Amino acid sequence: MAIKKPVATKAKPAAKKAAPKKVLAKKPVAKKAKSVQAVEDQFEFKPASSFLSMHAGMDPEAQAAMIAEQTRRAFEVEAYVQYNVAQTQVVRSIVEENVTDAMQSWAINAGGNREMIMRTTDDVYRNRLMTLNLLKPETSEHATFQESMINKTKLEYLNHRNTMNRRMGEISFEMANAIKAIGAASEKFYAANEEMAAFISDVADENAEWFDGELVKLMRDATNITNDQRIQQAMEVSQLLAKDAQVGRARIKEVSEFAQGLGDSLQELQENGNDLREEVIGLRESIDANQRRIADSIVGKKR
């Protein structure tokens, strides 16, 4: 990462710095092996003295000491920032697993289970209506009972179906909003990628200028004062960067724990959906057995 050039130079400053991505740490879960580790080490840089309080130029020995300290700081900050980069990748991977788990849960509950339960509801009411139709009224009161019970049963079914239609419509709206939120997050990733690409472009342009002679010119124009200023600026940048990296690491841990907890709940939801499917399959056995009894009665067998 290039350090700002001293005042009075012509090279254009490197553009747009992408702000460090905020991510999270990981809560242990049997399903996922990835984890974000908490790191306790903290930077304890002593503030460098202000350039304005320095002499008109440090002597070579003082400059060498400052360069050594600057190099040490840069190395430590690099390790911290690059560690955060790796943990950010881990966290994003956890979130991507969450998306997969959420879609799998949606497929189980909104797809397979919903369809199977709706068909089972149709079957159980078809059995009920057929049982009513098989009645043999002997009086007008019996006939009225039969017809009114058929109508009542149909209305019960339609009322249930209407309630479920309304509820499923609301759920679909919630899912649409969830997809919208994913789209909004994707747009933010696009903007971050665009910012990184612009940064790369600016650095590449500056590299070309340096290669074409600008860097040599800057070196030949350097003085003790401009060198001191550059060193001081680098020290201040490393101090601010260290603090920001520490904040970023805390955020990474926070988001990771949130995402891991979300993954646990999604996994539990999938398991619940699978359990419900087994329960409905058991119900179908009872419904099918009843349907066979009704079928036998239709062909004249005793009920």
C-alpha atoms as a PDB file:
ATOM      1  CA  MET A   1       0.000   0.000   0.000  1.00  0.00           C
ATOM      2  CA  ALA A   2       1.639   3.186  -1.156  1.00  0.00           C
ATOM      3  CA  ILE A   3       2.281   5.958   1.363  1.00  0.00           C
ATOM      4  CA  LYS A   4       1.167   9.485   0.510  1.00  0.00           C
ATOM      5  CA  LYS A   5       3.830  11.456  -1.294  1.00  0.00           C
ATOM      6  CA  PRO A   6       5.186  14.603   0.325  1.00  0.00           C
ATOM      7  CA  VAL A   7       3.647  17.948  -0.466  1.00  0.00           C
ATOM      8  CA  ALA A   8       5.020  19.601  -3.575  1.00  0.00           C
ATOM      9  CA  THR A   9       5.185  16.430  -5.649  1.00  0.00           C
ATOM     10  CA  LYS A  10       3.296  16.004  -8.850  1.00  0.00           C
ATOM     11  CA  ALA A  11       2.327  12.366  -8.753  1.00  0.00           C
ATOM     12  CA  LYS A  12      -1.403  11.956  -8.396  1.00  0.00           C
ATOM     13  CA  PRO A  13      -2.519  10.366  -5.156  1.00  0.00           C
ATOM     14  CA  ALA A  14      -3.738   6.807  -5.130  1.00  0.00           C
ATOM     15  CA  ALA A  15      -7.505   6.854  -5.395  1.00  0.00           C
ATOM     16  CA  LYS A  16     -10.356   5.389  -3.417  1.00  0.00           C
ATOM     17  CA  LYS A  17      -9.476   3.156  -0.563  1.00  0.00           C
ATOM     18  CA  ALA A  18     -12.014   0.492   0.053  1.00  0.00           C
ATOM     19  CA  ALA A  19     -13.129   0.617   3.660  1.00  0.00           C
ATOM     20  CA  PRO A  20     -12.329  -2.597   5.512  1.00  0.00           C
ATOM     21  CA  LYS A  21     -15.213  -5.049   5.268  1.00  0.00           C
ATOM     22  CA  LYS A  22     -16.999  -5.645   8.481  1.00  0.00           C
ATOM     23  CA  VAL A  23     -17.386  -9.296   9.274  1.00  0.00           C
ATOM     24  CA  LEU A  24     -17.807 -11.762  12.072  1.00  0.00           C
ATOM     25  CA  ALA A  25     -16.375 -14.567  14.163  1.00  0.00           C
ATOM     26  CA  LYS A  26     -17.673 -18.077  14.491  1.00  0.00           C
ATOM     27  CA  LYS A  27     -19.634 -20.006  17.059  1.00  0.00           C
ATOM     28  CA  PRO A  28     -18.848 -23.752  17.172  1.00  0.00           C
ATOM     29  CA  VAL A  29     -21.307 -25.858  15.225  1.00  0.00           C
ATOM     30  CA  ALA A  30     -21.079 -29.519  14.401  1.00  0.00           C
ATOM     31  CA  LYS A  31     -22.056 -28.929  10.805  1.00  0.00           C
ATOM     32  CA  LYS A  32     -19.431 -26.371   9.825  1.00  0.00           C
ATOM     33  CA  ALA A  33     -15.702 -26.623  10.299  1.00  0.00           C
ATOM     34  CA  LYS A  34     -14.793 -23.024   9.569  1.00  0.00           C
ATOM     35  CA  SER A  35     -14.211 -20.650  12.462  1.00  0.00           C
ATOM     36  CA  VAL A  36     -13.049 -17.140  13.070  1.00  0.00           C
ATOM     37  CA  GLN A  37     -10.483 -17.076  15.819  1.00  0.00           C
ATOM     38  CA  ALA A  38     -10.345 -14.338  18.375  1.00  0.00           C
ATOM     39  CA  VAL A  39      -6.926 -12.717  18.572  1.00  0.00           C
ATOM     40  CA  GLU A  40      -6.075 -10.880  21.725  1.00  0.00           C
ATOM     41  CA  ASP A  41      -2.972  -9.015  20.605  1.00  0.00           C
ATOM     42  CA  GLN A  42      -3.382  -5.257  20.374  1.00  0.00           C
ATOM     43  CA  PHE A  43      -1.145  -2.638  18.845  1.00  0.00           C
ATOM     44  CA  GLU A  44       0.409  -0.275  21.326  1.00  0.00           C
ATOM     45  CA  PHE A  45       2.129   2.207  19.076  1.00  0.00           C
ATOM     46  CA  LYS A  46       3.390   5.306  20.786  1.00  0.00           C
ATOM     47  CA  PRO A  47       2.262   8.456  18.985  1.00  0.00           C
ATOM     48  CA  ALA A  48       5.045   9.870  16.840  1.00  0.00           C
ATOM     49  CA  SER A  49       5.953  13.470  17.485  1.00  0.00           C
ATOM     50  CA  SER A  50       4.307  15.994  15.194  1.00  0.00           C
ATOM     51  CA  PHE A  51       6.276  17.027  12.146  1.00  0.00           C
ATOM     52  CA  LEU A  52       5.795  20.658  13.127  1.00  0.00           C
ATOM     53  CA  SER A  53       7.692  20.041  16.359  1.00  0.00           C
ATOM     54  CA  MET A  54      10.613  18.454  14.510  1.00  0.00           C
ATOM     55  CA  HIS A  55      13.734  20.233  13.471  1.00  0.00           C
ATOM     56  CA  ALA A  56      14.168  21.557   9.966  1.00  0.00           C
ATOM     57  CA  GLY A  57      15.442  18.128   9.069  1.00  0.00           C
ATOM     58  CA  MET A  58      16.454  15.061  11.024  1.00  0.00           C
ATOM     59  CA  ASP A  59      20.029  13.931  10.914  1.00  0.00           C
ATOM     60  CA  PRO A  60      20.683  10.697   8.965  1.00  0.00           C
ATOM     61  CA  GLU A  61      20.916   8.614  12.142  1.00  0.00           C
ATOM     62  CA  ALA A  62      17.530   9.846  13.391  1.00  0.00           C
ATOM     63  CA  GLN A  63      16.016   9.267   9.965  1.00  0.00           C
ATOM     64  CA  ALA A  64      17.350   5.702   9.928  1.00  0.00           C
ATOM     65  CA  ALA A  65      15.796   5.040  13.343  1.00  0.00           C
ATOM     66  CA  MET A  66      12.458   6.446  12.189  1.00  0.00           C
ATOM     67  CA  ILE A  67      12.584   4.353   9.003  1.00  0.00           C
ATOM     68  CA  ALA A  68      13.246   1.221  11.077  1.00  0.00           C
ATOM     69  CA  GLU A  69      10.299   2.000  13.360  1.00  0.00           C
ATOM     70  CA  GLN A  70       8.105   2.762  10.345  1.00  0.00           C
ATOM     71  CA  THR A  71       9.067  -0.567   8.768  1.00  0.00           C
ATOM     72  CA  ARG A  72       8.271  -2.435  11.986  1.00  0.00           C
ATOM     73  CA  ARG A  73       4.873  -0.788  12.278  1.00  0.00           C
ATOM     74  CA  ALA A  74       4.022  -1.456   8.647  1.00  0.00           C
ATOM     75  CA  PHE A  75       4.970  -5.134   9.059  1.00  0.00           C
ATOM     76  CA  GLU A  76       2.799  -5.551  12.164  1.00  0.00           C
ATOM     77  CA  VAL A  77      -0.136  -3.724  10.607  1.00  0.00           C
ATOM     78  CA  GLU A  78       0.189  -5.836   7.463  1.00  0.00           C
ATOM     79  CA  ALA A  79      -0.040  -9.052   9.495  1.00  0.00           C
ATOM     80  CA  TYR A  80      -3.117  -7.757  11.323  1.00  0.00           C
ATOM     81  CA  VAL A  81      -4.905  -6.507   8.213  1.00  0.00           C
ATOM     82  CA  GLN A  82      -4.127  -9.618   6.164  1.00  0.00           C
ATOM     83  CA  TYR A  83      -5.386 -11.811   8.996  1.00  0.00           C
ATOM     84  CA  ASN A  84      -8.607  -9.824   8.919  1.00  0.00           C
ATOM     85  CA  VAL A  85      -8.781 -10.396   5.164  1.00  0.00           C
ATOM     86  CA  ALA A  86      -8.611 -14.162   5.718  1.00  0.00           C
ATOM     87  CA  GLN A  87     -11.252 -14.061   8.451  1.00  0.00           C
ATOM     88  CA  THR A  88     -13.482 -11.951   6.209  1.00  0.00           C
ATOM     89  CA  GLN A  89     -13.319 -14.715   3.606  1.00  0.00           C
ATOM     90  CA  VAL A  90     -14.254 -17.292   6.253  1.00  0.00           C
ATOM     91  CA  VAL A  91     -17.198 -15.206   7.391  1.00  0.00           C
ATOM     92  CA  ARG A  92     -18.464 -14.666   3.864  1.00  0.00           C
ATOM     93  CA  SER A  93     -18.248 -18.416   3.333  1.00  0.00           C
ATOM     94  CA  ILE A  94     -20.390 -18.985   6.448  1.00  0.00           C
ATOM     95  CA  VAL A  95     -22.968 -16.507   5.129  1.00  0.00           C
ATOM     96  CA  GLU A  96     -22.982 -18.258   1.738  1.00  0.00           C
ATOM     97  CA  GLU A  97     -23.633 -21.550   3.547  1.00  0.00           C
ATOM     98  CA  ASN A  98     -26.489 -19.807   5.340  1.00  0.00           C
ATOM     99  CA  VAL A  99     -27.976 -18.803   1.989  1.00  0.00           C
ATOM    100  CA  THR A 100     -27.727 -22.414   0.808  1.00  0.00           C
ATOM    101  CA  ASP A 101     -29.278 -23.682   4.052  1.00  0.00           C
ATOM    102  CA  ALA A 102     -32.077 -21.115   3.828  1.00  0.00           C
ATOM    103  CA  MET A 103     -32.896 -22.140   0.255  1.00  0.00           C
ATOM    104  CA  GLN A 104     -32.786 -25.814   1.222  1.00  0.00           C
ATOM    105  CA  SER A 105     -35.155 -25.128   4.111  1.00  0.00           C
ATOM    106  CA  TRP A 106     -37.426 -23.173   1.750  1.00  0.00           C
ATOM    107  CA  ALA A 107     -37.432 -26.086  -0.685  1.00  0.00           C
ATOM    108  CA  ILE A 108     -38.353 -28.543   2.081  1.00  0.00           C
ATOM    109  CA  ASN A 109     -41.098 -26.471   3.691  1.00  0.00           C
ATOM    110  CA  ALA A 110     -42.477 -24.349   0.842  1.00  0.00           C
ATOM    111  CA  GLY A 111     -42.008 -26.991  -1.812  1.00  0.00           C
ATOM    112  CA  GLY A 112     -42.153 -30.688  -0.969  1.00  0.00           C
ATOM    113  CA  ASN A 113     -43.897 -30.587   2.419  1.00  0.00           C
ATOM    114  CA  ARG A 114     -46.452 -27.955   1.388  1.00  0.00           C
ATOM    115  CA  GLU A 115     -47.418 -29.863  -1.745  1.00  0.00           C
ATOM    116  CA  MET A 116     -47.675 -33.197   0.067  1.00  0.00           C
ATOM    117  CA  ILE A 117     -49.797 -31.734   2.891  1.00  0.00           C
ATOM    118  CA  MET A 118     -52.139 -29.989   0.429  1.00  0.00           C
ATOM    119  CA  ARG A 119     -52.689 -33.225  -1.476  1.00  0.00           C
ATOM    120  CA  THR A 120     -53.257 -35.064   1.799  1.00  0.00           C
ATOM    121  CA  THR A 121     -55.825 -32.446   2.836  1.00  0.00           C
ATOM    122  CA  ASP A 122     -57.661 -32.986  -0.458  1.00  0.00           C
ATOM    123  CA  ASP A 123     -57.648 -36.747   0.114  1.00  0.00           C
ATOM    124  CA  VAL A 124     -58.921 -36.614   3.686  1.00  0.00           C
ATOM    125  CA  TYR A 125     -61.818 -34.345   2.659  1.00  0.00           C
ATOM    126  CA  ARG A 126     -62.571 -36.476  -0.374  1.00  0.00           C
ATOM    127  CA  ASN A 127     -62.913 -39.441   1.990  1.00  0.00           C
ATOM    128  CA  ARG A 128     -65.206 -37.406   4.248  1.00  0.00           C
ATOM    129  CA  LEU A 129     -67.439 -36.302   1.371  1.00  0.00           C
ATOM    130  CA  MET A 130     -67.605 -39.807  -0.029  1.00  0.00           C
ATOM    131  CA  THR A 131     -68.615 -41.137   3.404  1.00  0.00           C
ATOM    132  CA  LEU A 132     -71.451 -38.589   3.484  1.00  0.00           C
ATOM    133  CA  ASN A 133     -72.518 -39.429  -0.085  1.00  0.00           C
ATOM    134  CA  LEU A 134     -72.701 -43.134   0.802  1.00  0.00           C
ATOM    135  CA  LEU A 135     -75.374 -42.458   3.426  1.00  0.00           C
ATOM    136  CA  LYS A 136     -78.829 -43.827   2.502  1.00  0.00           C
ATOM    137  CA  PRO A 137     -81.422 -41.411   3.911  1.00  0.00           C
ATOM    138  CA  GLU A 138     -84.770 -42.991   4.780  1.00  0.00           C
ATOM    139  CA  THR A 139     -86.664 -39.832   5.664  1.00  0.00           C
ATOM    140  CA  SER A 140     -86.677 -36.223   4.573  1.00  0.00           C
ATOM    141  CA  GLU A 141     -84.910 -35.347   7.814  1.00  0.00           C
ATOM    142  CA  HIS A 142     -82.177 -37.822   6.942  1.00  0.00           C
ATOM    143  CA  ALA A 143     -81.865 -36.341   3.466  1.00  0.00           C
ATOM    144  CA  THR A 144     -81.643 -32.826   4.857  1.00  0.00           C
ATOM    145  CA  PHE A 145     -78.995 -33.988   7.302  1.00  0.00           C
ATOM    146  CA  GLN A 146     -76.981 -35.520   4.469  1.00  0.00           C
ATOM    147  CA  GLU A 147     -77.136 -32.470   2.215  1.00  0.00           C
ATOM    148  CA  SER A 148     -76.423 -29.995   5.011  1.00  0.00           C
ATOM    149  CA  MET A 149     -73.475 -32.061   6.221  1.00  0.00           C
ATOM    150  CA  ILE A 150     -72.062 -32.215   2.693  1.00  0.00           C
ATOM    151  CA  ASN A 151     -72.347 -28.443   2.382  1.00  0.00           C
ATOM    152  CA  LYS A 152     -70.872 -27.928   5.845  1.00  0.00           C
ATOM    153  CA  THR A 153     -67.922 -30.180   4.997  1.00  0.00           C
ATOM    154  CA  LYS A 154     -67.272 -28.374   1.723  1.00  0.00           C
ATOM    155  CA  LEU A 155     -67.341 -25.011   3.517  1.00  0.00           C
ATOM    156  CA  GLU A 156     -64.946 -26.286   6.192  1.00  0.00           C
ATOM    157  CA  TYR A 157     -62.525 -27.343   3.462  1.00  0.00           C
ATOM    158  CA  LEU A 158     -62.884 -24.080   1.554  1.00  0.00           C
ATOM    159  CA  ASN A 159     -62.469 -22.013   4.721  1.00  0.00           C
ATOM    160  CA  HIS A 160     -59.279 -23.875   5.575  1.00  0.00           C
ATOM    161  CA  ARG A 161     -57.968 -23.508   2.039  1.00  0.00           C
ATOM    162  CA  ASN A 162     -58.822 -19.790   1.976  1.00  0.00           C
ATOM    163  CA  THR A 163     -56.993 -19.238   5.287  1.00  0.00           C
ATOM    164  CA  MET A 164     -53.935 -21.068   3.959  1.00  0.00           C
ATOM    165  CA  ASN A 165     -54.041 -19.116   0.692  1.00  0.00           C
ATOM    166  CA  ARG A 166     -53.901 -15.863   2.624  1.00  0.00           C
ATOM    167  CA  ARG A 167     -51.105 -17.095   4.861  1.00  0.00           C
ATOM    168  CA  MET A 168     -49.053 -18.417   1.943  1.00  0.00           C
ATOM    169  CA  GLY A 169     -49.477 -15.127   0.137  1.00  0.00           C
ATOM    170  CA  GLU A 170     -47.973 -13.310   3.135  1.00  0.00           C
ATOM    171  CA  ILE A 171     -45.128 -15.813   3.349  1.00  0.00           C
ATOM    172  CA  SER A 172     -44.387 -15.342  -0.350  1.00  0.00           C
ATOM    173  CA  PHE A 173     -44.277 -11.591   0.217  1.00  0.00           C
ATOM    174  CA  GLU A 174     -41.767 -12.098   3.052  1.00  0.00           C
ATOM    175  CA  MET A 175     -39.669 -14.311   0.777  1.00  0.00           C
ATOM    176  CA  ALA A 176     -39.760 -11.650  -1.930  1.00  0.00           C
ATOM    177  CA  ASN A 177     -38.490  -9.102   0.600  1.00  0.00           C
ATOM    178  CA  ALA A 178     -35.745 -11.512   1.680  1.00  0.00           C
ATOM    179  CA  ILE A 179     -34.658 -11.858  -1.943  1.00  0.00           C
ATOM    180  CA  LYS A 180     -34.770  -8.088  -2.265  1.00  0.00           C
ATOM    181  CA  ALA A 181     -32.447  -7.826   0.758  1.00  0.00           C
ATOM    182  CA  ILE A 182     -30.049 -10.312  -0.847  1.00  0.00           C
ATOM    183  CA  GLY A 183     -30.172  -8.201  -4.001  1.00  0.00           C
ATOM    184  CA  ALA A 184     -29.369  -5.064  -1.982  1.00  0.00           C
ATOM    185  CA  ALA A 185     -26.389  -6.819  -0.360  1.00  0.00           C
ATOM    186  CA  SER A 186     -25.256  -7.949  -3.802  1.00  0.00           C
ATOM    187  CA  GLU A 187     -25.411  -4.343  -5.015  1.00  0.00           C
ATOM    188  CA  LYS A 188     -23.143  -3.334  -2.122  1.00  0.00           C
ATOM    189  CA  PHE A 189     -20.679  -6.038  -3.131  1.00  0.00           C
ATOM    190  CA  TYR A 190     -20.799  -4.667  -6.665  1.00  0.00           C
ATOM    191  CA  ALA A 191     -20.065  -1.155  -5.388  1.00  0.00           C
ATOM    192  CA  ALA A 192     -17.166  -2.458  -3.271  1.00  0.00           C
ATOM    193  CA  ASN A 193     -15.769  -4.367  -6.254  1.00  0.00           C
ATOM    194  CA  GLU A 194     -16.103  -1.243  -8.391  1.00  0.00           C
ATOM    195  CA  GLU A 195     -14.227   0.778  -5.756  1.00  0.00           C
ATOM    196  CA  MET A 196     -11.434  -1.795  -5.626  1.00  0.00           C
ATOM    197  CA  ALA A 197     -11.193  -1.836  -9.425  1.00  0.00           C
ATOM    198  CA  ALA A 198     -10.920   1.976  -9.500  1.00  0.00           C
ATOM    199  CA  PHE A 199      -8.185   1.824  -6.854  1.00  0.00           C
ATOM    200  CA  ILE A 200      -6.263  -0.735  -8.916  1.00  0.00           C
ATOM    201  CA  SER A 201      -6.637   1.417 -12.034  1.00  0.00           C
ATOM    202  CA  ASP A 202      -5.279   4.512 -10.267  1.00  0.00           C
ATOM    203  CA  VAL A 203      -2.323   2.627  -8.815  1.00  0.00           C
ATOM    204  CA  ALA A 204      -1.560   1.083 -12.215  1.00  0.00           C
ATOM    205  CA  ASP A 205      -1.648   4.529 -13.855  1.00  0.00           C
ATOM    206  CA  GLU A 206       0.680   5.897 -11.193  1.00  0.00           C
ATOM    207  CA  ASN A 207       2.996   2.907 -11.666  1.00  0.00           C
ATOM    208  CA  ALA A 208       3.248   3.782 -15.345  1.00  0.00           C
ATOM    209  CA  GLU A 209       4.074   7.411 -14.508  1.00  0.00           C
ATOM    210  CA  TRP A 210       6.735   6.285 -12.073  1.00  0.00           C
ATOM    211  CA  PHE A 211       8.266   3.974 -14.674  1.00  0.00           C
ATOM    212  CA  ASP A 212       8.253   6.768 -17.251  1.00  0.00           C
ATOM    213  CA  GLY A 213      10.494   8.924 -15.078  1.00  0.00           C
ATOM    214  CA  GLU A 214       8.297  10.513 -12.416  1.00  0.00           C
ATOM    215  CA  LEU A 215       9.723   8.318  -9.630  1.00  0.00           C
ATOM    216  CA  VAL A 216      13.309   9.234 -10.521  1.00  0.00           C
ATOM    217  CA  LYS A 217      12.351  12.910 -10.579  1.00  0.00           C
ATOM    218  CA  LEU A 218      10.739  12.604  -7.106  1.00  0.00           C
ATOM    219  CA  MET A 219      13.872  10.945  -5.774  1.00  0.00           C
ATOM    220  CA  ARG A 220      16.154  13.652  -7.196  1.00  0.00           C
ATOM    221  CA  ASP A 221      13.918  16.412  -5.804  1.00  0.00           C
ATOM    222  CA  ALA A 222      13.859  14.876  -2.314  1.00  0.00           C
ATOM    223  CA  THR A 223      15.259  16.849   0.620  1.00  0.00           C
ATOM    224  CA  ASN A 224      15.696  16.083   4.296  1.00  0.00           C
ATOM    225  CA  ILE A 225      12.530  18.032   5.035  1.00  0.00           C
ATOM    226  CA  THR A 226      10.357  16.231   2.458  1.00  0.00           C
ATOM    227  CA  ASN A 227      11.795  12.890   3.559  1.00  0.00           C
ATOM    228  CA  ASP A 228      11.039  13.699   7.195  1.00  0.00           C
ATOM    229  CA  GLN A 229       7.518  14.692   6.233  1.00  0.00           C
ATOM    230  CA  ARG A 230       6.968  11.462   4.326  1.00  0.00           C
ATOM    231  CA  ILE A 231       8.256   9.387   7.229  1.00  0.00           C
ATOM    232  CA  GLN A 232       6.005  11.249   9.661  1.00  0.00           C
ATOM    233  CA  GLN A 233       2.966  10.785   7.424  1.00  0.00           C
ATOM    234  CA  ALA A 234       3.652   7.059   7.210  1.00  0.00           C
ATOM    235  CA  MET A 235       3.893   6.809  10.994  1.00  0.00           C
ATOM    236  CA  GLU A 236       0.552   8.559  11.415  1.00  0.00           C
ATOM    237  CA  VAL A 237      -1.091   6.385   8.744  1.00  0.00           C
ATOM    238  CA  SER A 238       0.147   3.198  10.428  1.00  0.00           C
ATOM    239  CA  GLN A 239      -1.247   4.380  13.778  1.00  0.00           C
ATOM    240  CA  LEU A 240      -4.704   5.071  12.336  1.00  0.00           C
ATOM    241  CA  LEU A 241      -4.691   1.876  10.293  1.00  0.00           C
ATOM    242  CA  ALA A 242      -3.799  -0.227  13.329  1.00  0.00           C
ATOM    243  CA  LYS A 243      -6.739   1.182  15.296  1.00  0.00           C
ATOM    244  CA  ASP A 244      -9.151   0.678  12.403  1.00  0.00           C
ATOM    245  CA  ALA A 245      -7.954  -2.908  11.908  1.00  0.00           C
ATOM    246  CA  GLN A 246      -8.652  -3.649  15.570  1.00  0.00           C
ATOM    247  CA  VAL A 247     -12.202  -2.295  15.238  1.00  0.00           C
ATOM    248  CA  GLY A 248     -12.626  -4.354  12.065  1.00  0.00           C
ATOM    249  CA  ARG A 249     -11.548  -7.518  13.824  1.00  0.00           C
ATOM    250  CA  ALA A 250     -14.098  -7.003  16.587  1.00  0.00           C
ATOM    251  CA  ARG A 251     -16.810  -6.539  13.960  1.00  0.00           C
ATOM    252  CA  ILE A 252     -15.694  -9.696  12.153  1.00  0.00           C
ATOM    253  CA  LYS A 253     -16.155 -11.665  15.368  1.00  0.00           C
ATOM    254  CA  GLU A 254     -19.580 -10.132  15.987  1.00  0.00           C
ATOM    255  CA  VAL A 255     -20.912 -10.873  12.517  1.00  0.00           C
ATOM    256  CA  SER A 256     -19.445 -14.369  12.533  1.00  0.00           C
ATOM    257  CA  GLU A 257     -21.252 -15.264  15.743  1.00  0.00           C
ATOM    258  CA  PHE A 258     -24.506 -13.914  14.314  1.00  0.00           C
ATOM    259  CA  ALA A 259     -24.112 -15.871  11.063  1.00  0.00           C
ATOM    260  CA  GLN A 260     -23.171 -19.051  12.899  1.00  0.00           C
ATOM    261  CA  GLY A 261     -26.229 -18.779  15.123  1.00  0.00           C
ATOM    262  CA  LEU A 262     -28.355 -18.240  12.031  1.00  0.00           C
ATOM    263  CA  GLY A 263     -26.837 -21.339  10.467  1.00  0.00           C
ATOM    264  CA  ASP A 264     -27.732 -23.388  13.552  1.00  0.00           C
ATOM    265  CA  SER A 265     -31.367 -22.240  13.465  1.00  0.00           C
ATOM    266  CA  LEU A 266     -31.628 -22.943   9.726  1.00  0.00           C
ATOM    267  CA  GLN A 267     -30.249 -26.426  10.221  1.00  0.00           C
ATOM    268  CA  GLU A 268     -32.775 -27.039  12.984  1.00  0.00           C
ATOM    269  CA  LEU A 269     -35.565 -25.799  10.700  1.00  0.00           C
ATOM    270  CA  GLN A 270     -34.514 -28.294   8.022  1.00  0.00           C
ATOM    271  CA  GLU A 271     -34.562 -31.107  10.584  1.00  0.00           C
ATOM    272  CA  ASN A 272     -38.024 -30.034  11.768  1.00  0.00           C
ATOM    273  CA  GLY A 273     -39.239 -30.006   8.164  1.00  0.00           C
ATOM    274  CA  ASN A 274     -37.925 -33.534   7.642  1.00  0.00           C
ATOM    275  CA  ASP A 275     -39.630 -34.698  10.850  1.00  0.00           C
ATOM    276  CA  LEU A 276     -42.924 -33.171   9.723  1.00  0.00           C
ATOM    277  CA  ARG A 277     -42.661 -34.963   6.399  1.00  0.00           C
ATOM    278  CA  GLU A 278     -42.324 -38.310   8.199  1.00  0.00           C
ATOM    279  CA  GLU A 279     -45.357 -37.436  10.306  1.00  0.00           C
ATOM    280  CA  VAL A 280     -47.464 -36.632   7.238  1.00  0.00           C
ATOM    281  CA  ILE A 281     -46.341 -39.849   5.567  1.00  0.00           C
ATOM    282  CA  GLY A 282     -47.664 -41.684   8.642  1.00  0.00           C
ATOM    283  CA  LEU A 283     -50.970 -39.803   8.333  1.00  0.00           C
ATOM    284  CA  ARG A 284     -51.241 -40.849   4.698  1.00  0.00           C
ATOM    285  CA  GLU A 285     -51.130 -44.496   5.669  1.00  0.00           C
ATOM    286  CA  SER A 286     -54.180 -44.009   7.869  1.00  0.00           C
ATOM    287  CA  ILE A 287     -55.973 -41.954   5.183  1.00  0.00           C
ATOM    288  CA  ASP A 288     -55.222 -44.514   2.483  1.00  0.00           C
ATOM    289  CA  ALA A 289     -56.498 -47.347   4.679  1.00  0.00           C
ATOM    290  CA  ASN A 290     -59.744 -45.423   5.229  1.00  0.00           C
ATOM    291  CA  GLN A 291     -60.017 -44.750   1.522  1.00  0.00           C
ATOM    292  CA  ARG A 292     -59.774 -48.485   0.802  1.00  0.00           C
ATOM    293  CA  ARG A 293     -62.601 -49.151   3.254  1.00  0.00           C
ATOM    294  CA  ILE A 294     -64.766 -46.556   1.487  1.00  0.00           C
ATOM    295  CA  ALA A 295     -63.897 -48.044  -1.902  1.00  0.00           C
ATOM    296  CA  ASP A 296     -64.994 -51.468  -0.677  1.00  0.00           C
ATOM    297  CA  SER A 297     -68.308 -50.043   0.488  1.00  0.00           C
ATOM    298  CA  ILE A 298     -68.909 -48.499  -2.945  1.00  0.00           C
ATOM    299  CA  VAL A 299     -68.802 -51.906  -4.583  1.00  0.00           C
ATOM    300  CA  GLY A 300     -71.382 -53.256  -2.162  1.00  0.00           C
ATOM    301  CA  LYS A 301     -69.263 -54.687   0.643  1.00  0.00           C
ATOM    302  CA  LYS A 302     -70.468 -54.181   4.191  1.00  0.00           C
ATOM    303  CA  ARG A 303     -69.170 -51.080   5.896  1.00  0.00           C
END
